[in-house]
Amino acid sequence: MNLDAFTSKRITRFIEEHRKSSGVLPTLKDFETAGFARELIDVAVRKDLIELFYVTLTNGTIVKGYKIKQIK
């Protein structure tokens, strides 16, 4: 699967909007609900567009959360 500039921008915009509205990192389920394929998110992680974090929810469940990669 290929990651073009338009899709990259959509992913980063989705992460920003999700964090502003809910206050938490989006999970893979959030991405799938928004119409992003699981494979596309994996490609974005491999290309260093976004970072994968393990997030502990308030009920104790550990899920994968995604954050925009900070360029140093």
PDB file of N, CA and C in Angstrom:
ATOM      1  N   MET A   1       0.854  -1.174   0.000  1.00  0.00           N
ATOM      2  CA  MET A   1       0.000   0.000   0.000  1.00  0.00           C
ATOM      3  C   MET A   1       0.901   1.239   0.000  1.00  0.00           C
ATOM      4  N   ASN A   2       0.513   2.244  -0.770  1.00  0.00           N
ATOM      5  CA  ASN A   2       1.317   3.440  -0.920  1.00  0.00           C
ATOM      6  C   ASN A   2       0.738   4.586  -0.094  1.00  0.00           C
ATOM      7  N   LEU A   3       1.609   5.427   0.424  1.00  0.00           N
ATOM      8  CA  LEU A   3       1.199   6.562   1.242  1.00  0.00           C
ATOM      9  C   LEU A   3       1.521   7.846   0.490  1.00  0.00           C
ATOM     10  N   ASP A   4       0.503   8.476  -0.095  1.00  0.00           N
ATOM     11  CA  ASP A   4       0.738   9.705  -0.847  1.00  0.00           C
ATOM     12  C   ASP A   4       0.621  10.924   0.080  1.00  0.00           C
ATOM     13  N   ALA A   5       0.957  12.084  -0.449  1.00  0.00           N
ATOM     14  CA  ALA A   5       0.970  13.312   0.354  1.00  0.00           C
ATOM     15  C   ALA A   5      -0.423  13.666   0.874  1.00  0.00           C
ATOM     16  N   PHE A   6      -1.448  13.468   0.064  1.00  0.00           N
ATOM     17  CA  PHE A   6      -2.819  13.771   0.480  1.00  0.00           C
ATOM     18  C   PHE A   6      -3.243  12.896   1.658  1.00  0.00           C
ATOM     19  N   THR A   7      -2.960  11.608   1.568  1.00  0.00           N
ATOM     20  CA  THR A   7      -3.329  10.685   2.644  1.00  0.00           C
ATOM     21  C   THR A   7      -2.526  10.974   3.908  1.00  0.00           C
ATOM     22  N   SER A   8      -1.253  11.310   3.763  1.00  0.00           N
ATOM     23  CA  SER A   8      -0.421  11.670   4.917  1.00  0.00           C
ATOM     24  C   SER A   8      -1.023  12.852   5.663  1.00  0.00           C
ATOM     25  N   LYS A   9      -1.449  13.840   4.921  1.00  0.00           N
ATOM     26  CA  LYS A   9      -2.063  15.030   5.528  1.00  0.00           C
ATOM     27  C   LYS A   9      -3.380  14.681   6.208  1.00  0.00           C
ATOM     28  N   ARG A  10      -4.173  13.794   5.597  1.00  0.00           N
ATOM     29  CA  ARG A  10      -5.441  13.370   6.206  1.00  0.00           C
ATOM     30  C   ARG A  10      -5.200  12.662   7.536  1.00  0.00           C
ATOM     31  N   ILE A  11      -4.171  11.811   7.575  1.00  0.00           N
ATOM     32  CA  ILE A  11      -3.858  11.075   8.806  1.00  0.00           C
ATOM     33  C   ILE A  11      -3.439  12.037   9.907  1.00  0.00           C
ATOM     34  N   THR A  12      -2.525  12.959   9.599  1.00  0.00           N
ATOM     35  CA  THR A  12      -2.061  13.895  10.629  1.00  0.00           C
ATOM     36  C   THR A  12      -3.188  14.815  11.086  1.00  0.00           C
ATOM     37  N   ARG A  13      -4.034  15.247  10.164  1.00  0.00           N
ATOM     38  CA  ARG A  13      -5.170  16.093  10.538  1.00  0.00           C
ATOM     39  C   ARG A  13      -6.135  15.320  11.434  1.00  0.00           C
ATOM     40  N   PHE A  14      -6.366  14.041  11.122  1.00  0.00           N
ATOM     41  CA  PHE A  14      -7.260  13.230  11.943  1.00  0.00           C
ATOM     42  C   PHE A  14      -6.716  13.105  13.372  1.00  0.00           C
ATOM     43  N   ILE A  15      -5.408  12.874  13.497  1.00  0.00           N
ATOM     44  CA  ILE A  15      -4.806  12.745  14.832  1.00  0.00           C
ATOM     45  C   ILE A  15      -4.978  14.044  15.618  1.00  0.00           C
ATOM     46  N   GLU A  16      -4.691  15.173  14.987  1.00  0.00           N
ATOM     47  CA  GLU A  16      -4.829  16.468  15.667  1.00  0.00           C
ATOM     48  C   GLU A  16      -6.268  16.720  16.109  1.00  0.00           C
ATOM     49  N   GLU A  17      -7.226  16.488  15.221  1.00  0.00           N
ATOM     50  CA  GLU A  17      -8.629  16.727  15.549  1.00  0.00           C
ATOM     51  C   GLU A  17      -9.133  15.772  16.624  1.00  0.00           C
ATOM     52  N   HIS A  18      -8.690  14.520  16.568  1.00  0.00           N
ATOM     53  CA  HIS A  18      -9.115  13.537  17.566  1.00  0.00           C
ATOM     54  C   HIS A  18      -8.588  13.915  18.946  1.00  0.00           C
ATOM     55  N   ARG A  19      -7.334  14.341  19.013  1.00  0.00           N
ATOM     56  CA  ARG A  19      -6.753  14.742  20.303  1.00  0.00           C
ATOM     57  C   ARG A  19      -7.440  15.981  20.856  1.00  0.00           C
ATOM     58  N   LYS A  20      -7.794  16.933  19.989  1.00  0.00           N
ATOM     59  CA  LYS A  20      -8.481  18.144  20.453  1.00  0.00           C
ATOM     60  C   LYS A  20      -9.874  17.830  20.975  1.00  0.00           C
ATOM     61  N   SER A  21     -10.582  16.934  20.303  1.00  0.00           N
ATOM     62  CA  SER A  21     -11.968  16.655  20.694  1.00  0.00           C
ATOM     63  C   SER A  21     -12.090  15.709  21.877  1.00  0.00           C
ATOM     64  N   SER A  22     -11.177  14.721  21.971  1.00  0.00           N
ATOM     65  CA  SER A  22     -11.328  13.728  23.039  1.00  0.00           C
ATOM     66  C   SER A  22     -10.249  13.802  24.114  1.00  0.00           C
ATOM     67  N   GLY A  23      -9.110  14.416  23.801  1.00  0.00           N
ATOM     68  CA  GLY A  23      -8.038  14.527  24.787  1.00  0.00           C
ATOM     69  C   GLY A  23      -7.165  13.295  24.896  1.00  0.00           C
ATOM     70  N   VAL A  24      -7.362  12.309  24.037  1.00  0.00           N
ATOM     71  CA  VAL A  24      -6.542  11.096  24.063  1.00  0.00           C
ATOM     72  C   VAL A  24      -6.009  10.799  22.665  1.00  0.00           C
ATOM     73  N   LEU A  25      -4.985   9.961  22.620  1.00  0.00           N
ATOM     74  CA  LEU A  25      -4.436   9.540  21.335  1.00  0.00           C
ATOM     75  C   LEU A  25      -5.433   8.631  20.624  1.00  0.00           C
ATOM     76  N   PRO A  26      -5.544   8.744  19.311  1.00  0.00           N
ATOM     77  CA  PRO A  26      -6.444   7.842  18.585  1.00  0.00           C
ATOM     78  C   PRO A  26      -5.894   6.423  18.562  1.00  0.00           C
ATOM     79  N   THR A  27      -6.781   5.467  18.631  1.00  0.00           N
ATOM     80  CA  THR A  27      -6.402   4.059  18.563  1.00  0.00           C
ATOM     81  C   THR A  27      -6.648   3.547  17.147  1.00  0.00           C
ATOM     82  N   LEU A  28      -6.228   2.326  16.904  1.00  0.00           N
ATOM     83  CA  LEU A  28      -6.448   1.726  15.594  1.00  0.00           C
ATOM     84  C   LEU A  28      -7.939   1.636  15.281  1.00  0.00           C
ATOM     85  N   LYS A  29      -8.736   1.380  16.284  1.00  0.00           N
ATOM     86  CA  LYS A  29     -10.192   1.320  16.093  1.00  0.00           C
ATOM     87  C   LYS A  29     -10.737   2.678  15.658  1.00  0.00           C
ATOM     88  N   ASP A  30     -10.199   3.761  16.219  1.00  0.00           N
ATOM     89  CA  ASP A  30     -10.626   5.104  15.817  1.00  0.00           C
ATOM     90  C   ASP A  30     -10.285   5.367  14.350  1.00  0.00           C
ATOM     91  N   PHE A  31      -9.085   4.944  13.938  1.00  0.00           N
ATOM     92  CA  PHE A  31      -8.683   5.107  12.545  1.00  0.00           C
ATOM     93  C   PHE A  31      -9.603   4.315  11.613  1.00  0.00           C
ATOM     94  N   GLU A  32      -9.898   3.075  11.993  1.00  0.00           N
ATOM     95  CA  GLU A  32     -10.759   2.245  11.153  1.00  0.00           C
ATOM     96  C   GLU A  32     -12.172   2.817  11.064  1.00  0.00           C
ATOM     97  N   THR A  33     -12.667   3.380  12.157  1.00  0.00           N
ATOM     98  CA  THR A  33     -13.977   4.015  12.158  1.00  0.00           C
ATOM     99  C   THR A  33     -13.999   5.221  11.220  1.00  0.00           C
ATOM    100  N   ALA A  34     -12.862   5.932  11.142  1.00  0.00           N
ATOM    101  CA  ALA A  34     -12.758   7.116  10.276  1.00  0.00           C
ATOM    102  C   ALA A  34     -12.485   6.750   8.820  1.00  0.00           C
ATOM    103  N   GLY A  35     -12.295   5.456   8.526  1.00  0.00           N
ATOM    104  CA  GLY A  35     -12.129   5.030   7.144  1.00  0.00           C
ATOM    105  C   GLY A  35     -10.704   4.751   6.711  1.00  0.00           C
ATOM    106  N   PHE A  36      -9.765   4.716   7.645  1.00  0.00           N
ATOM    107  CA  PHE A  36      -8.376   4.396   7.321  1.00  0.00           C
ATOM    108  C   PHE A  36      -8.147   2.898   7.502  1.00  0.00           C
ATOM    109  N   ALA A  37      -7.516   2.278   6.530  1.00  0.00           N
ATOM    110  CA  ALA A  37      -7.221   0.844   6.613  1.00  0.00           C
ATOM    111  C   ALA A  37      -6.064   0.594   7.583  1.00  0.00           C
ATOM    112  N   ARG A  38      -6.100  -0.549   8.227  1.00  0.00           N
ATOM    113  CA  ARG A  38      -5.046  -0.945   9.163  1.00  0.00           C
ATOM    114  C   ARG A  38      -3.675  -0.960   8.476  1.00  0.00           C
ATOM    115  N   GLU A  39      -3.630  -1.436   7.244  1.00  0.00           N
ATOM    116  CA  GLU A  39      -2.371  -1.506   6.502  1.00  0.00           C
ATOM    117  C   GLU A  39      -1.809  -0.116   6.231  1.00  0.00           C
ATOM    118  N   LEU A  40      -2.686   0.853   5.991  1.00  0.00           N
ATOM    119  CA  LEU A  40      -2.260   2.224   5.744  1.00  0.00           C
ATOM    120  C   LEU A  40      -1.610   2.832   6.982  1.00  0.00           C
ATOM    121  N   ILE A  41      -2.149   2.540   8.138  1.00  0.00           N
ATOM    122  CA  ILE A  41      -1.578   3.044   9.387  1.00  0.00           C
ATOM    123  C   ILE A  41      -0.220   2.390   9.635  1.00  0.00           C
ATOM    124  N   ASP A  42      -0.080   1.104   9.327  1.00  0.00           N
ATOM    125  CA  ASP A  42       1.212   0.427   9.458  1.00  0.00           C
ATOM    126  C   ASP A  42       2.266   1.056   8.550  1.00  0.00           C
ATOM    127  N   VAL A  43       1.874   1.420   7.341  1.00  0.00           N
ATOM    128  CA  VAL A  43       2.798   2.074   6.412  1.00  0.00           C
ATOM    129  C   VAL A  43       3.221   3.439   6.957  1.00  0.00           C
ATOM    130  N   ALA A  44       2.279   4.183   7.518  1.00  0.00           N
ATOM    131  CA  ALA A  44       2.586   5.501   8.080  1.00  0.00           C
ATOM    132  C   ALA A  44       3.571   5.390   9.247  1.00  0.00           C
ATOM    133  N   VAL A  45       3.459   4.334  10.044  1.00  0.00           N
ATOM    134  CA  VAL A  45       4.407   4.116  11.146  1.00  0.00           C
ATOM    135  C   VAL A  45       5.783   3.774  10.589  1.00  0.00           C
ATOM    136  N   ARG A  46       5.839   2.899   9.582  1.00  0.00           N
ATOM    137  CA  ARG A  46       7.132   2.509   8.986  1.00  0.00           C
ATOM    138  C   ARG A  46       7.822   3.683   8.306  1.00  0.00           C
ATOM    139  N   LYS A  47       7.052   4.611   7.753  1.00  0.00           N
ATOM    140  CA  LYS A  47       7.630   5.771   7.062  1.00  0.00           C
ATOM    141  C   LYS A  47       7.900   6.931   8.022  1.00  0.00           C
ATOM    142  N   ASP A  48       7.771   6.712   9.308  1.00  0.00           N
ATOM    143  CA  ASP A  48       8.032   7.710  10.351  1.00  0.00           C
ATOM    144  C   ASP A  48       7.143   8.942  10.269  1.00  0.00           C
ATOM    145  N   LEU A  49       5.939   8.786   9.781  1.00  0.00           N
ATOM    146  CA  LEU A  49       4.972   9.883   9.793  1.00  0.00           C
ATOM    147  C   LEU A  49       4.317   9.976  11.170  1.00  0.00           C
ATOM    148  N   ILE A  50       4.002   8.813  11.741  1.00  0.00           N
ATOM    149  CA  ILE A  50       3.378   8.760  13.063  1.00  0.00           C
ATOM    150  C   ILE A  50       4.131   7.763  13.934  1.00  0.00           C
ATOM    151  N   GLU A  51       3.941   7.886  15.255  1.00  0.00           N
ATOM    152  CA  GLU A  51       4.579   6.996  16.221  1.00  0.00           C
ATOM    153  C   GLU A  51       3.525   6.149  16.923  1.00  0.00           C
ATOM    154  N   LEU A  52       3.919   4.947  17.274  1.00  0.00           N
ATOM    155  CA  LEU A  52       3.045   4.022  17.988  1.00  0.00           C
ATOM    156  C   LEU A  52       3.395   4.048  19.468  1.00  0.00           C
ATOM    157  N   PHE A  53       2.378   4.201  20.315  1.00  0.00           N
ATOM    158  CA  PHE A  53       2.543   4.160  21.760  1.00  0.00           C
ATOM    159  C   PHE A  53       1.540   3.167  22.326  1.00  0.00           C
ATOM    160  N   TYR A  54       1.899   2.563  23.433  1.00  0.00           N
ATOM    161  CA  TYR A  54       0.944   1.714  24.143  1.00  0.00           C
ATOM    162  C   TYR A  54       0.323   2.559  25.236  1.00  0.00           C
ATOM    163  N   VAL A  55      -0.997   2.669  25.209  1.00  0.00           N
ATOM    164  CA  VAL A  55      -1.741   3.548  26.096  1.00  0.00           C
ATOM    165  C   VAL A  55      -2.594   2.704  27.029  1.00  0.00           C
ATOM    166  N   THR A  56      -2.553   3.032  28.321  1.00  0.00           N
ATOM    167  CA  THR A  56      -3.396   2.353  29.296  1.00  0.00           C
ATOM    168  C   THR A  56      -4.665   3.168  29.487  1.00  0.00           C
ATOM    169  N   LEU A  57      -5.800   2.559  29.212  1.00  0.00           N
ATOM    170  CA  LEU A  57      -7.083   3.228  29.383  1.00  0.00           C
ATOM    171  C   LEU A  57      -7.488   3.222  30.849  1.00  0.00           C
ATOM    172  N   THR A  58      -8.497   3.994  31.201  1.00  0.00           N
ATOM    173  CA  THR A  58      -8.915   4.094  32.594  1.00  0.00           C
ATOM    174  C   THR A  58      -9.442   2.776  33.152  1.00  0.00           C
ATOM    175  N   ASN A  59      -9.900   1.883  32.277  1.00  0.00           N
ATOM    176  CA  ASN A  59     -10.392   0.593  32.760  1.00  0.00           C
ATOM    177  C   ASN A  59      -9.279  -0.452  32.846  1.00  0.00           C
ATOM    178  N   GLY A  60      -8.031  -0.056  32.563  1.00  0.00           N
ATOM    179  CA  GLY A  60      -6.890  -0.959  32.677  1.00  0.00           C
ATOM    180  C   GLY A  60      -6.476  -1.630  31.383  1.00  0.00           C
ATOM    181  N   THR A  61      -7.244  -1.485  30.344  1.00  0.00           N
ATOM    182  CA  THR A  61      -6.925  -2.078  29.053  1.00  0.00           C
ATOM    183  C   THR A  61      -5.766  -1.332  28.407  1.00  0.00           C
ATOM    184  N   ILE A  62      -4.854  -2.075  27.804  1.00  0.00           N
ATOM    185  CA  ILE A  62      -3.726  -1.467  27.102  1.00  0.00           C
ATOM    186  C   ILE A  62      -3.994  -1.577  25.602  1.00  0.00           C
ATOM    187  N   VAL A  63      -3.976  -0.425  24.905  1.00  0.00           N
ATOM    188  CA  VAL A  63      -4.233  -0.376  23.470  1.00  0.00           C
ATOM    189  C   VAL A  63      -3.119   0.412  22.793  1.00  0.00           C
ATOM    190  N   LYS A  64      -3.036   0.274  21.472  1.00  0.00           N
ATOM    191  CA  LYS A  64      -2.073   1.034  20.692  1.00  0.00           C
ATOM    192  C   LYS A  64      -2.656   2.406  20.398  1.00  0.00           C
ATOM    193  N   GLY A  65      -1.891   3.451  20.712  1.00  0.00           N
ATOM    194  CA  GLY A  65      -2.272   4.812  20.380  1.00  0.00           C
ATOM    195  C   GLY A  65      -1.255   5.386  19.413  1.00  0.00           C
ATOM    196  N   TYR A  66      -1.675   6.338  18.616  1.00  0.00           N
ATOM    197  CA  TYR A  66      -0.805   6.893  17.582  1.00  0.00           C
ATOM    198  C   TYR A  66      -0.667   8.402  17.755  1.00  0.00           C
ATOM    199  N   LYS A  67       0.552   8.895  17.544  1.00  0.00           N
ATOM    200  CA  LYS A  67       0.873  10.300  17.708  1.00  0.00           C
ATOM    201  C   LYS A  67       1.693  10.751  16.502  1.00  0.00           C
ATOM    202  N   ILE A  68       1.580  12.021  16.136  1.00  0.00           N
ATOM    203  CA  ILE A  68       2.362  12.550  15.020  1.00  0.00           C
ATOM    204  C   ILE A  68       3.838  12.572  15.424  1.00  0.00           C
ATOM    205  N   LYS A  69       4.692  12.104  14.546  1.00  0.00           N
ATOM    206  CA  LYS A  69       6.125  12.043  14.801  1.00  0.00           C
ATOM    207  C   LYS A  69       6.672  13.471  14.867  1.00  0.00           C
ATOM    208  N   GLN A  70       7.386  13.785  15.943  1.00  0.00           N
ATOM    209  CA  GLN A  70       7.995  15.094  16.107  1.00  0.00           C
ATOM    210  C   GLN A  70       9.350  15.119  15.413  1.00  0.00           C
ATOM    211  N   ILE A  71       9.549  16.091  14.545  1.00  0.00           N
ATOM    212  CA  ILE A  71      10.821  16.217  13.832  1.00  0.00           C
ATOM    213  C   ILE A  71      11.752  17.078  14.694  1.00  0.00           C
ATOM    214  N   LYS A  72      12.948  16.560  14.916  1.00  0.00           N
ATOM    215  CA  LYS A  72      13.916  17.276  15.755  1.00  0.00           C
ATOM    216  C   LYS A  72      14.871  18.067  14.919  1.00  0.00           C
TER     217      LYS A  72
END
